[in-house]
Amino acid sequence: MIHDLSSIVNADDADVTFQSSDNVLFHIHRRNLEAHTGAFPGKEFINDGETVCLTEPAEVLEIVFQFIYPKRYPRLKDLDFDIVADVAEAVEKYEIFSAMLTCEVRLREFLPEHATDIFLHAVKHDYPDLMNETALLLGRSPFCESLGRLPPQCVLPWIEYRAEWQAVFENAIQFIQRTMIHSNADCFDASSEPSKPRHFICSNCRPCLITWVMELERMGSVSLLKKALENPILSPYNPNHTWCHSCVGNHCKHVSRVVRMCQDAIDAIPPFTHFLWKKKSAAFVRVEKGASC
């Protein structure tokens, strides 16, 4: 078989040869591998004249191998997501520490479009900040889509994290239902009359408020959800709705209260790593207890 030679990484005095999955050869200095990587095949796998086959294609290895030489590292600009993701996976696999930060920074530039893949990469290789940033973007994504691709140790933490988001809307609807007036009375806001201890949402305004919260719940993007809370226009969800005599403008006087409730609940949601580390801590305690018995 005829092999091509890399035009970028091909040292004349190299003592190690690697072959990419698409049959391109890379001549590398062993001393650079030993100094800059932690997981490339060791001496027992690299004999004189032996070629070590790797599973990555040449376009990925040409980038990866540049990080083991004393020269300016590639910035990974103008590369599409798939190549950057493959490079990021390869530098983790071969423990090329000098390339890890560059890959993390470059991956962030592909958010939010590739949030799921980047979240899985962060979980797999333990990047807490990147985990939390992408989990926040995925907090409103389709549940089964995210759950099906998670490693087993992350399934329960993800369910708990999603439950926190679900509670935001459940609590808002419970508030609307709990403060409903079962009569023909109009809405009442105790903030205008401090002597009265309660807030009441009339039976006329209640359905549209609940419909609005359900629309918020269906939003698959956290950024869109926050924008909707900042500008809560209810009339598009029910253009024929007529507010009670107590409510003026284009929404019920209780909208601001529901908005504040949702915003406070969202701000109080812990980062994903809180649930992940809680599970790890619980597992550690169980192991410790078992060892002491």
C-alpha atoms as a PDB file:
ATOM      1  CA  MET A   1       0.000   0.000   0.000  1.00  0.00           C
ATOM      2  CA  ILE A   2       1.258   3.464  -0.909  1.00  0.00           C
ATOM      3  CA  HIS A   3       1.091   5.993   1.912  1.00  0.00           C
ATOM      4  CA  ASP A   4       1.073   9.769   1.751  1.00  0.00           C
ATOM      5  CA  LEU A   5       3.329  11.816   4.004  1.00  0.00           C
ATOM      6  CA  SER A   6       2.077  14.691   6.094  1.00  0.00           C
ATOM      7  CA  SER A   7       3.206  18.002   4.641  1.00  0.00           C
ATOM      8  CA  ILE A   8       3.081  19.676   8.069  1.00  0.00           C
ATOM      9  CA  VAL A   9       4.396  17.127  10.582  1.00  0.00           C
ATOM     10  CA  ASN A  10       7.158  15.121   8.936  1.00  0.00           C
ATOM     11  CA  ALA A  11      10.595  15.295  10.583  1.00  0.00           C
ATOM     12  CA  ASP A  12      13.542  13.845   8.665  1.00  0.00           C
ATOM     13  CA  ASP A  13      15.280  12.646  11.836  1.00  0.00           C
ATOM     14  CA  ALA A  14      12.125  11.296  13.522  1.00  0.00           C
ATOM     15  CA  ASP A  15      12.214   7.989  15.363  1.00  0.00           C
ATOM     16  CA  VAL A  16       8.468   7.258  15.556  1.00  0.00           C
ATOM     17  CA  THR A  17       5.979   6.853  12.714  1.00  0.00           C
ATOM     18  CA  PHE A  18       2.221   7.117  13.070  1.00  0.00           C
ATOM     19  CA  GLN A  19      -0.347   6.277  10.446  1.00  0.00           C
ATOM     20  CA  SER A  20      -3.729   8.012  10.282  1.00  0.00           C
ATOM     21  CA  SER A  21      -6.978   6.210   9.561  1.00  0.00           C
ATOM     22  CA  ASP A  22      -6.794   7.448   5.967  1.00  0.00           C
ATOM     23  CA  ASN A  23      -3.223   6.146   5.484  1.00  0.00           C
ATOM     24  CA  VAL A  24      -1.149   9.302   5.930  1.00  0.00           C
ATOM     25  CA  LEU A  25       2.182   8.893   7.724  1.00  0.00           C
ATOM     26  CA  PHE A  26       3.513  11.210  10.425  1.00  0.00           C
ATOM     27  CA  HIS A  27       7.196  11.074  11.427  1.00  0.00           C
ATOM     28  CA  ILE A  28       7.472  12.274  15.018  1.00  0.00           C
ATOM     29  CA  HIS A  29      10.259  12.669  17.573  1.00  0.00           C
ATOM     30  CA  ARG A  30       9.830  10.403  20.558  1.00  0.00           C
ATOM     31  CA  ARG A  31      11.244  13.018  22.912  1.00  0.00           C
ATOM     32  CA  ASN A  32       8.417  15.403  22.014  1.00  0.00           C
ATOM     33  CA  LEU A  33       5.821  12.729  22.672  1.00  0.00           C
ATOM     34  CA  GLU A  34       7.347  12.001  26.061  1.00  0.00           C
ATOM     35  CA  ALA A  35       7.501  15.682  26.991  1.00  0.00           C
ATOM     36  CA  HIS A  36       4.076  16.826  25.783  1.00  0.00           C
ATOM     37  CA  THR A  37       1.705  13.851  25.919  1.00  0.00           C
ATOM     38  CA  GLY A  38       0.580  11.435  28.560  1.00  0.00           C
ATOM     39  CA  ALA A  39      -1.128   8.625  26.691  1.00  0.00           C
ATOM     40  CA  PHE A  40       0.498   7.962  23.329  1.00  0.00           C
ATOM     41  CA  PRO A  41       1.738   4.368  22.817  1.00  0.00           C
ATOM     42  CA  GLY A  42       4.815   3.737  24.915  1.00  0.00           C
ATOM     43  CA  LYS A  43       8.141   2.199  24.023  1.00  0.00           C
ATOM     44  CA  GLU A  44       6.757  -1.311  24.154  1.00  0.00           C
ATOM     45  CA  PHE A  45       4.559  -0.483  21.166  1.00  0.00           C
ATOM     46  CA  ILE A  46       7.092   1.545  19.202  1.00  0.00           C
ATOM     47  CA  ASN A  47       9.958  -0.561  17.933  1.00  0.00           C
ATOM     48  CA  ASP A  48      12.429   0.439  15.253  1.00  0.00           C
ATOM     49  CA  GLY A  49      10.701   0.619  11.907  1.00  0.00           C
ATOM     50  CA  GLU A  50       7.234  -0.097  13.304  1.00  0.00           C
ATOM     51  CA  THR A  51       4.340   2.117  12.266  1.00  0.00           C
ATOM     52  CA  VAL A  52       1.683   2.791  14.874  1.00  0.00           C
ATOM     53  CA  CYS A  53      -1.843   3.049  13.461  1.00  0.00           C
ATOM     54  CA  LEU A  54      -4.175   5.625  14.985  1.00  0.00           C
ATOM     55  CA  THR A  55      -7.923   5.936  14.571  1.00  0.00           C
ATOM     56  CA  GLU A  56      -8.020   9.652  13.683  1.00  0.00           C
ATOM     57  CA  PRO A  57      -7.853  10.998  10.102  1.00  0.00           C
ATOM     58  CA  ALA A  58      -4.907  13.039   8.870  1.00  0.00           C
ATOM     59  CA  GLU A  59      -6.697  16.402   9.029  1.00  0.00           C
ATOM     60  CA  VAL A  60      -7.151  15.887  12.779  1.00  0.00           C
ATOM     61  CA  LEU A  61      -3.691  14.484  13.530  1.00  0.00           C
ATOM     62  CA  GLU A  62      -1.946  17.277  11.619  1.00  0.00           C
ATOM     63  CA  ILE A  63      -3.509  19.731  14.068  1.00  0.00           C
ATOM     64  CA  VAL A  64      -2.959  17.566  17.144  1.00  0.00           C
ATOM     65  CA  PHE A  65       0.729  16.889  16.457  1.00  0.00           C
ATOM     66  CA  GLN A  66       1.513  20.604  16.084  1.00  0.00           C
ATOM     67  CA  PHE A  67       0.879  20.993  19.823  1.00  0.00           C
ATOM     68  CA  ILE A  68       3.842  18.770  20.749  1.00  0.00           C
ATOM     69  CA  TYR A  69       6.479  20.937  19.068  1.00  0.00           C
ATOM     70  CA  PRO A  70       8.024  24.200  20.370  1.00  0.00           C
ATOM     71  CA  LYS A  71       6.359  26.619  18.001  1.00  0.00           C
ATOM     72  CA  ARG A  72       3.260  28.781  17.896  1.00  0.00           C
ATOM     73  CA  TYR A  73       0.215  26.561  18.402  1.00  0.00           C
ATOM     74  CA  PRO A  74      -2.666  26.502  15.913  1.00  0.00           C
ATOM     75  CA  ARG A  75      -5.670  28.604  16.993  1.00  0.00           C
ATOM     76  CA  LEU A  76      -8.263  26.340  15.340  1.00  0.00           C
ATOM     77  CA  LYS A  77      -9.900  29.304  13.622  1.00  0.00           C
ATOM     78  CA  ASP A  78     -11.872  28.875  10.395  1.00  0.00           C
ATOM     79  CA  LEU A  79     -12.471  25.189  11.131  1.00  0.00           C
ATOM     80  CA  ASP A  80     -15.955  23.718  11.200  1.00  0.00           C
ATOM     81  CA  PHE A  81     -17.396  22.215  14.357  1.00  0.00           C
ATOM     82  CA  ASP A  82     -16.834  18.560  13.461  1.00  0.00           C
ATOM     83  CA  ILE A  83     -13.087  19.053  13.015  1.00  0.00           C
ATOM     84  CA  VAL A  84     -12.724  21.076  16.208  1.00  0.00           C
ATOM     85  CA  ALA A  85     -14.740  18.464  18.127  1.00  0.00           C
ATOM     86  CA  ASP A  86     -12.562  15.648  16.763  1.00  0.00           C
ATOM     87  CA  VAL A  87      -9.397  17.537  17.678  1.00  0.00           C
ATOM     88  CA  ALA A  88     -10.755  18.208  21.174  1.00  0.00           C
ATOM     89  CA  GLU A  89     -11.522  14.516  21.616  1.00  0.00           C
ATOM     90  CA  ALA A  90      -8.088  13.488  20.342  1.00  0.00           C
ATOM     91  CA  VAL A  91      -6.152  15.803  22.676  1.00  0.00           C
ATOM     92  CA  GLU A  92      -8.126  14.382  25.605  1.00  0.00           C
ATOM     93  CA  LYS A  93      -7.532  10.826  24.430  1.00  0.00           C
ATOM     94  CA  TYR A  94      -3.775  11.324  24.080  1.00  0.00           C
ATOM     95  CA  GLU A  95      -3.495  13.756  27.019  1.00  0.00           C
ATOM     96  CA  ILE A  96      -1.966  16.632  25.079  1.00  0.00           C
ATOM     97  CA  PHE A  97      -2.428  19.187  27.839  1.00  0.00           C
ATOM     98  CA  SER A  98      -1.048  22.115  25.858  1.00  0.00           C
ATOM     99  CA  ALA A  99      -4.003  21.843  23.449  1.00  0.00           C
ATOM    100  CA  MET A 100      -6.852  21.386  25.918  1.00  0.00           C
ATOM    101  CA  LEU A 101      -7.467  25.035  26.765  1.00  0.00           C
ATOM    102  CA  THR A 102      -7.388  26.051  23.097  1.00  0.00           C
ATOM    103  CA  CYS A 103     -10.004  23.416  22.313  1.00  0.00           C
ATOM    104  CA  GLU A 104     -12.219  24.457  25.218  1.00  0.00           C
ATOM    105  CA  VAL A 105     -12.134  28.112  24.148  1.00  0.00           C
ATOM    106  CA  ARG A 106     -12.834  27.245  20.527  1.00  0.00           C
ATOM    107  CA  LEU A 107     -15.732  24.924  21.411  1.00  0.00           C
ATOM    108  CA  ARG A 108     -17.437  27.757  23.306  1.00  0.00           C
ATOM    109  CA  GLU A 109     -17.565  29.737  20.079  1.00  0.00           C
ATOM    110  CA  PHE A 110     -19.952  27.135  18.645  1.00  0.00           C
ATOM    111  CA  LEU A 111     -22.583  27.753  21.321  1.00  0.00           C
ATOM    112  CA  PRO A 112     -25.522  27.608  21.412  1.00  0.00           C
ATOM    113  CA  GLU A 113     -25.865  25.718  18.116  1.00  0.00           C
ATOM    114  CA  HIS A 114     -23.885  22.647  19.217  1.00  0.00           C
ATOM    115  CA  ALA A 115     -24.759  22.799  22.913  1.00  0.00           C
ATOM    116  CA  THR A 116     -25.643  19.095  23.247  1.00  0.00           C
ATOM    117  CA  ASP A 117     -22.370  17.790  21.772  1.00  0.00           C
ATOM    118  CA  ILE A 118     -20.308  20.287  23.756  1.00  0.00           C
ATOM    119  CA  PHE A 119     -22.179  19.419  26.956  1.00  0.00           C
ATOM    120  CA  LEU A 120     -21.427  15.721  26.445  1.00  0.00           C
ATOM    121  CA  HIS A 121     -17.755  16.523  25.801  1.00  0.00           C
ATOM    122  CA  ALA A 122     -17.626  18.602  28.994  1.00  0.00           C
ATOM    123  CA  VAL A 123     -19.253  15.820  31.023  1.00  0.00           C
ATOM    124  CA  LYS A 124     -16.982  13.134  29.592  1.00  0.00           C
ATOM    125  CA  HIS A 125     -13.774  15.064  30.237  1.00  0.00           C
ATOM    126  CA  ASP A 126     -14.788  16.951  33.399  1.00  0.00           C
ATOM    127  CA  TYR A 127     -14.999  20.623  32.443  1.00  0.00           C
ATOM    128  CA  PRO A 128     -17.296  22.028  35.170  1.00  0.00           C
ATOM    129  CA  ASP A 129     -17.688  25.569  33.810  1.00  0.00           C
ATOM    130  CA  LEU A 130     -18.416  24.319  30.305  1.00  0.00           C
ATOM    131  CA  MET A 131     -20.835  21.751  31.750  1.00  0.00           C
ATOM    132  CA  ASN A 132     -22.839  24.407  33.571  1.00  0.00           C
ATOM    133  CA  GLU A 133     -22.828  26.822  30.648  1.00  0.00           C
ATOM    134  CA  THR A 134     -24.148  24.236  28.210  1.00  0.00           C
ATOM    135  CA  ALA A 135     -26.554  22.668  30.721  1.00  0.00           C
ATOM    136  CA  LEU A 136     -28.159  26.082  31.109  1.00  0.00           C
ATOM    137  CA  LEU A 137     -28.662  26.231  27.346  1.00  0.00           C
ATOM    138  CA  LEU A 138     -30.116  22.708  27.351  1.00  0.00           C
ATOM    139  CA  GLY A 139     -32.341  23.172  30.397  1.00  0.00           C
ATOM    140  CA  ARG A 140     -35.352  23.694  28.124  1.00  0.00           C
ATOM    141  CA  SER A 141     -34.354  21.274  25.334  1.00  0.00           C
ATOM    142  CA  PRO A 142     -36.407  18.121  24.571  1.00  0.00           C
ATOM    143  CA  PHE A 143     -35.977  15.840  27.565  1.00  0.00           C
ATOM    144  CA  CYS A 144     -35.486  12.480  25.817  1.00  0.00           C
ATOM    145  CA  GLU A 145     -32.992  13.929  23.340  1.00  0.00           C
ATOM    146  CA  SER A 146     -30.621  14.996  26.107  1.00  0.00           C
ATOM    147  CA  LEU A 147     -31.229  12.043  28.424  1.00  0.00           C
ATOM    148  CA  GLY A 148     -30.574   9.371  25.801  1.00  0.00           C
ATOM    149  CA  ARG A 149     -27.021  10.551  25.141  1.00  0.00           C
ATOM    150  CA  LEU A 150     -25.862  11.007  28.728  1.00  0.00           C
ATOM    151  CA  PRO A 151     -23.409   8.623  30.431  1.00  0.00           C
ATOM    152  CA  PRO A 152     -25.124   6.542  33.152  1.00  0.00           C
ATOM    153  CA  GLN A 153     -23.655   8.492  36.078  1.00  0.00           C
ATOM    154  CA  CYS A 154     -25.232  11.709  34.786  1.00  0.00           C
ATOM    155  CA  VAL A 155     -28.783  10.475  34.181  1.00  0.00           C
ATOM    156  CA  LEU A 156     -30.107  11.013  37.715  1.00  0.00           C
ATOM    157  CA  PRO A 157     -28.400  14.415  38.153  1.00  0.00           C
ATOM    158  CA  TRP A 158     -29.875  15.518  34.819  1.00  0.00           C
ATOM    159  CA  ILE A 159     -33.365  14.386  35.857  1.00  0.00           C
ATOM    160  CA  GLU A 160     -33.015  16.364  39.089  1.00  0.00           C
ATOM    161  CA  TYR A 161     -31.729  19.405  37.214  1.00  0.00           C
ATOM    162  CA  ARG A 162     -34.652  19.266  34.787  1.00  0.00           C
ATOM    163  CA  ALA A 163     -37.081  18.858  37.687  1.00  0.00           C
ATOM    164  CA  GLU A 164     -35.905  22.225  39.029  1.00  0.00           C
ATOM    165  CA  TRP A 165     -36.865  23.833  35.713  1.00  0.00           C
ATOM    166  CA  GLN A 166     -40.208  22.052  35.686  1.00  0.00           C
ATOM    167  CA  ALA A 167     -40.988  23.332  39.172  1.00  0.00           C
ATOM    168  CA  VAL A 168     -40.702  26.933  37.939  1.00  0.00           C
ATOM    169  CA  PHE A 169     -43.860  26.578  35.848  1.00  0.00           C
ATOM    170  CA  GLU A 170     -45.715  24.201  38.148  1.00  0.00           C
ATOM    171  CA  ASN A 171     -45.367  26.640  41.040  1.00  0.00           C
ATOM    172  CA  ALA A 172     -46.498  29.552  38.885  1.00  0.00           C
ATOM    173  CA  ILE A 173     -49.650  27.698  37.807  1.00  0.00           C
ATOM    174  CA  GLN A 174     -50.351  26.652  41.398  1.00  0.00           C
ATOM    175  CA  PHE A 175     -50.092  30.299  42.453  1.00  0.00           C
ATOM    176  CA  ILE A 176     -52.588  31.342  39.775  1.00  0.00           C
ATOM    177  CA  GLN A 177     -55.003  28.585  40.763  1.00  0.00           C
ATOM    178  CA  ARG A 178     -54.574  29.166  44.483  1.00  0.00           C
ATOM    179  CA  THR A 179     -55.360  32.882  44.229  1.00  0.00           C
ATOM    180  CA  MET A 180     -58.431  32.537  42.035  1.00  0.00           C
ATOM    181  CA  ILE A 181     -61.730  34.203  42.996  1.00  0.00           C
ATOM    182  CA  HIS A 182     -64.655  31.825  42.643  1.00  0.00           C
ATOM    183  CA  SER A 183     -67.122  34.587  41.852  1.00  0.00           C
ATOM    184  CA  ASN A 184     -67.740  37.402  39.419  1.00  0.00           C
ATOM    185  CA  ALA A 185     -65.401  39.730  41.310  1.00  0.00           C
ATOM    186  CA  ASP A 186     -62.551  41.434  39.476  1.00  0.00           C
ATOM    187  CA  CYS A 187     -58.846  40.967  40.132  1.00  0.00           C
ATOM    188  CA  PHE A 188     -57.485  42.454  43.321  1.00  0.00           C
ATOM    189  CA  ASP A 189     -53.850  43.291  44.126  1.00  0.00           C
ATOM    190  CA  ALA A 190     -53.119  43.735  47.821  1.00  0.00           C
ATOM    191  CA  SER A 191     -50.155  45.955  47.011  1.00  0.00           C
ATOM    192  CA  SER A 192     -52.618  48.770  46.278  1.00  0.00           C
ATOM    193  CA  GLU A 193     -54.508  48.210  49.554  1.00  0.00           C
ATOM    194  CA  PRO A 194     -52.066  47.002  52.255  1.00  0.00           C
ATOM    195  CA  SER A 195     -54.874  46.447  54.728  1.00  0.00           C
ATOM    196  CA  LYS A 196     -56.150  43.500  52.668  1.00  0.00           C
ATOM    197  CA  PRO A 197     -53.967  40.424  53.151  1.00  0.00           C
ATOM    198  CA  ARG A 198     -54.494  38.559  49.873  1.00  0.00           C
ATOM    199  CA  HIS A 199     -54.171  38.766  46.110  1.00  0.00           C
ATOM    200  CA  PHE A 200     -57.009  37.518  43.960  1.00  0.00           C
ATOM    201  CA  ILE A 201     -57.063  36.549  40.289  1.00  0.00           C
ATOM    202  CA  CYS A 202     -60.534  36.585  38.820  1.00  0.00           C
ATOM    203  CA  SER A 203     -62.033  33.692  36.872  1.00  0.00           C
ATOM    204  CA  ASN A 204     -61.940  35.859  33.759  1.00  0.00           C
ATOM    205  CA  CYS A 205     -58.171  36.487  33.787  1.00  0.00           C
ATOM    206  CA  ARG A 206     -57.100  33.119  35.172  1.00  0.00           C
ATOM    207  CA  PRO A 207     -57.332  31.022  31.943  1.00  0.00           C
ATOM    208  CA  CYS A 208     -55.168  33.400  29.921  1.00  0.00           C
ATOM    209  CA  LEU A 209     -52.560  33.606  32.668  1.00  0.00           C
ATOM    210  CA  ILE A 210     -52.347  29.814  32.859  1.00  0.00           C
ATOM    211  CA  THR A 211     -52.169  29.564  29.060  1.00  0.00           C
ATOM    212  CA  TRP A 212     -49.317  32.071  29.080  1.00  0.00           C
ATOM    213  CA  VAL A 213     -47.351  30.092  31.685  1.00  0.00           C
ATOM    214  CA  MET A 214     -47.889  26.920  29.648  1.00  0.00           C
ATOM    215  CA  GLU A 215     -46.505  28.727  26.597  1.00  0.00           C
ATOM    216  CA  LEU A 216     -43.451  29.677  28.634  1.00  0.00           C
ATOM    217  CA  GLU A 217     -43.030  26.055  29.666  1.00  0.00           C
ATOM    218  CA  ARG A 218     -42.979  24.917  26.033  1.00  0.00           C
ATOM    219  CA  MET A 219     -40.129  27.253  25.094  1.00  0.00           C
ATOM    220  CA  GLY A 220     -37.064  25.179  24.219  1.00  0.00           C
ATOM    221  CA  SER A 221     -34.534  27.944  24.790  1.00  0.00           C
ATOM    222  CA  VAL A 222     -33.565  29.558  28.081  1.00  0.00           C
ATOM    223  CA  SER A 223     -32.672  32.810  26.321  1.00  0.00           C
ATOM    224  CA  LEU A 224     -36.098  32.973  24.645  1.00  0.00           C
ATOM    225  CA  LEU A 225     -37.747  32.169  27.966  1.00  0.00           C
ATOM    226  CA  LYS A 226     -35.950  35.014  29.732  1.00  0.00           C
ATOM    227  CA  LYS A 227     -36.834  37.446  26.930  1.00  0.00           C
ATOM    228  CA  ALA A 228     -40.484  36.404  27.166  1.00  0.00           C
ATOM    229  CA  LEU A 229     -40.447  37.091  30.903  1.00  0.00           C
ATOM    230  CA  GLU A 230     -38.859  40.484  30.357  1.00  0.00           C
ATOM    231  CA  ASN A 231     -41.569  41.424  27.850  1.00  0.00           C
ATOM    232  CA  PRO A 232     -44.726  39.537  28.916  1.00  0.00           C
ATOM    233  CA  ILE A 233     -47.331  40.313  26.256  1.00  0.00           C
ATOM    234  CA  LEU A 234     -50.227  37.946  26.841  1.00  0.00           C
ATOM    235  CA  SER A 235     -52.732  39.006  24.201  1.00  0.00           C
ATOM    236  CA  PRO A 236     -51.136  37.014  21.312  1.00  0.00           C
ATOM    237  CA  TYR A 237     -51.972  33.778  23.133  1.00  0.00           C
ATOM    238  CA  ASN A 238     -55.670  34.659  23.264  1.00  0.00           C
ATOM    239  CA  PRO A 239     -56.497  37.706  21.109  1.00  0.00           C
ATOM    240  CA  ASN A 240     -60.211  37.491  21.951  1.00  0.00           C
ATOM    241  CA  HIS A 241     -59.646  37.621  25.681  1.00  0.00           C
ATOM    242  CA  THR A 242     -61.180  40.533  27.572  1.00  0.00           C
ATOM    243  CA  TRP A 243     -59.555  41.427  30.866  1.00  0.00           C
ATOM    244  CA  CYS A 244     -61.642  42.212  33.906  1.00  0.00           C
ATOM    245  CA  HIS A 245     -62.550  45.798  34.775  1.00  0.00           C
ATOM    246  CA  SER A 246     -59.794  45.962  37.375  1.00  0.00           C
ATOM    247  CA  CYS A 247     -57.039  45.126  34.848  1.00  0.00           C
ATOM    248  CA  VAL A 248     -55.953  47.699  32.291  1.00  0.00           C
ATOM    249  CA  GLY A 249     -53.653  47.650  29.278  1.00  0.00           C
ATOM    250  CA  ASN A 250     -52.807  44.433  27.458  1.00  0.00           C
ATOM    251  CA  HIS A 251     -52.361  42.097  30.413  1.00  0.00           C
ATOM    252  CA  CYS A 252     -53.589  41.241  33.876  1.00  0.00           C
ATOM    253  CA  LYS A 253     -52.285  43.254  36.846  1.00  0.00           C
ATOM    254  CA  HIS A 254     -50.922  39.992  38.307  1.00  0.00           C
ATOM    255  CA  VAL A 255     -48.542  39.372  35.408  1.00  0.00           C
ATOM    256  CA  SER A 256     -45.691  41.228  37.107  1.00  0.00           C
ATOM    257  CA  ARG A 257     -46.097  39.054  40.192  1.00  0.00           C
ATOM    258  CA  VAL A 258     -45.997  35.835  38.125  1.00  0.00           C
ATOM    259  CA  VAL A 259     -43.023  37.132  36.146  1.00  0.00           C
ATOM    260  CA  ARG A 260     -41.088  37.932  39.328  1.00  0.00           C
ATOM    261  CA  MET A 261     -41.942  34.528  40.760  1.00  0.00           C
ATOM    262  CA  CYS A 262     -40.619  32.763  37.646  1.00  0.00           C
ATOM    263  CA  GLN A 263     -37.489  34.904  37.422  1.00  0.00           C
ATOM    264  CA  ASP A 264     -36.628  34.346  41.088  1.00  0.00           C
ATOM    265  CA  ALA A 265     -37.168  30.600  40.704  1.00  0.00           C
ATOM    266  CA  ILE A 266     -34.937  30.460  37.614  1.00  0.00           C
ATOM    267  CA  ASP A 267     -32.188  32.433  39.345  1.00  0.00           C
ATOM    268  CA  ALA A 268     -32.348  30.007  42.280  1.00  0.00           C
ATOM    269  CA  ILE A 269     -31.783  26.880  40.165  1.00  0.00           C
ATOM    270  CA  PRO A 270     -28.366  25.415  41.113  1.00  0.00           C
ATOM    271  CA  PRO A 271     -25.855  24.682  38.343  1.00  0.00           C
ATOM    272  CA  PHE A 272     -25.832  21.185  36.888  1.00  0.00           C
ATOM    273  CA  THR A 273     -22.595  20.293  38.656  1.00  0.00           C
ATOM    274  CA  HIS A 274     -24.390  20.761  41.994  1.00  0.00           C
ATOM    275  CA  PHE A 275     -26.533  17.710  41.216  1.00  0.00           C
ATOM    276  CA  LEU A 276     -23.637  15.793  39.667  1.00  0.00           C
ATOM    277  CA  TRP A 277     -21.307  16.332  42.611  1.00  0.00           C
ATOM    278  CA  LYS A 278     -24.107  15.631  45.093  1.00  0.00           C
ATOM    279  CA  LYS A 279     -24.523  12.196  43.550  1.00  0.00           C
ATOM    280  CA  LYS A 280     -20.766  11.581  43.604  1.00  0.00           C
ATOM    281  CA  SER A 281     -20.587  12.658  47.253  1.00  0.00           C
ATOM    282  CA  ALA A 282     -23.429  10.314  48.176  1.00  0.00           C
ATOM    283  CA  ALA A 283     -21.703   7.436  46.384  1.00  0.00           C
ATOM    284  CA  PHE A 284     -18.437   8.224  48.208  1.00  0.00           C
ATOM    285  CA  VAL A 285     -20.220   8.195  51.576  1.00  0.00           C
ATOM    286  CA  ARG A 286     -21.756   4.796  50.789  1.00  0.00           C
ATOM    287  CA  VAL A 287     -18.343   3.403  49.867  1.00  0.00           C
ATOM    288  CA  GLU A 288     -16.806   4.816  53.046  1.00  0.00           C
ATOM    289  CA  LYS A 289     -19.555   3.323  55.191  1.00  0.00           C
ATOM    290  CA  GLY A 290     -19.135  -0.039  53.500  1.00  0.00           C
ATOM    291  CA  ALA A 291     -15.400   0.015  54.077  1.00  0.00           C
ATOM    292  CA  SER A 292     -15.833   0.776  57.777  1.00  0.00           C
ATOM    293  CA  CYS A 293     -18.180  -2.137  58.415  1.00  0.00           C
END
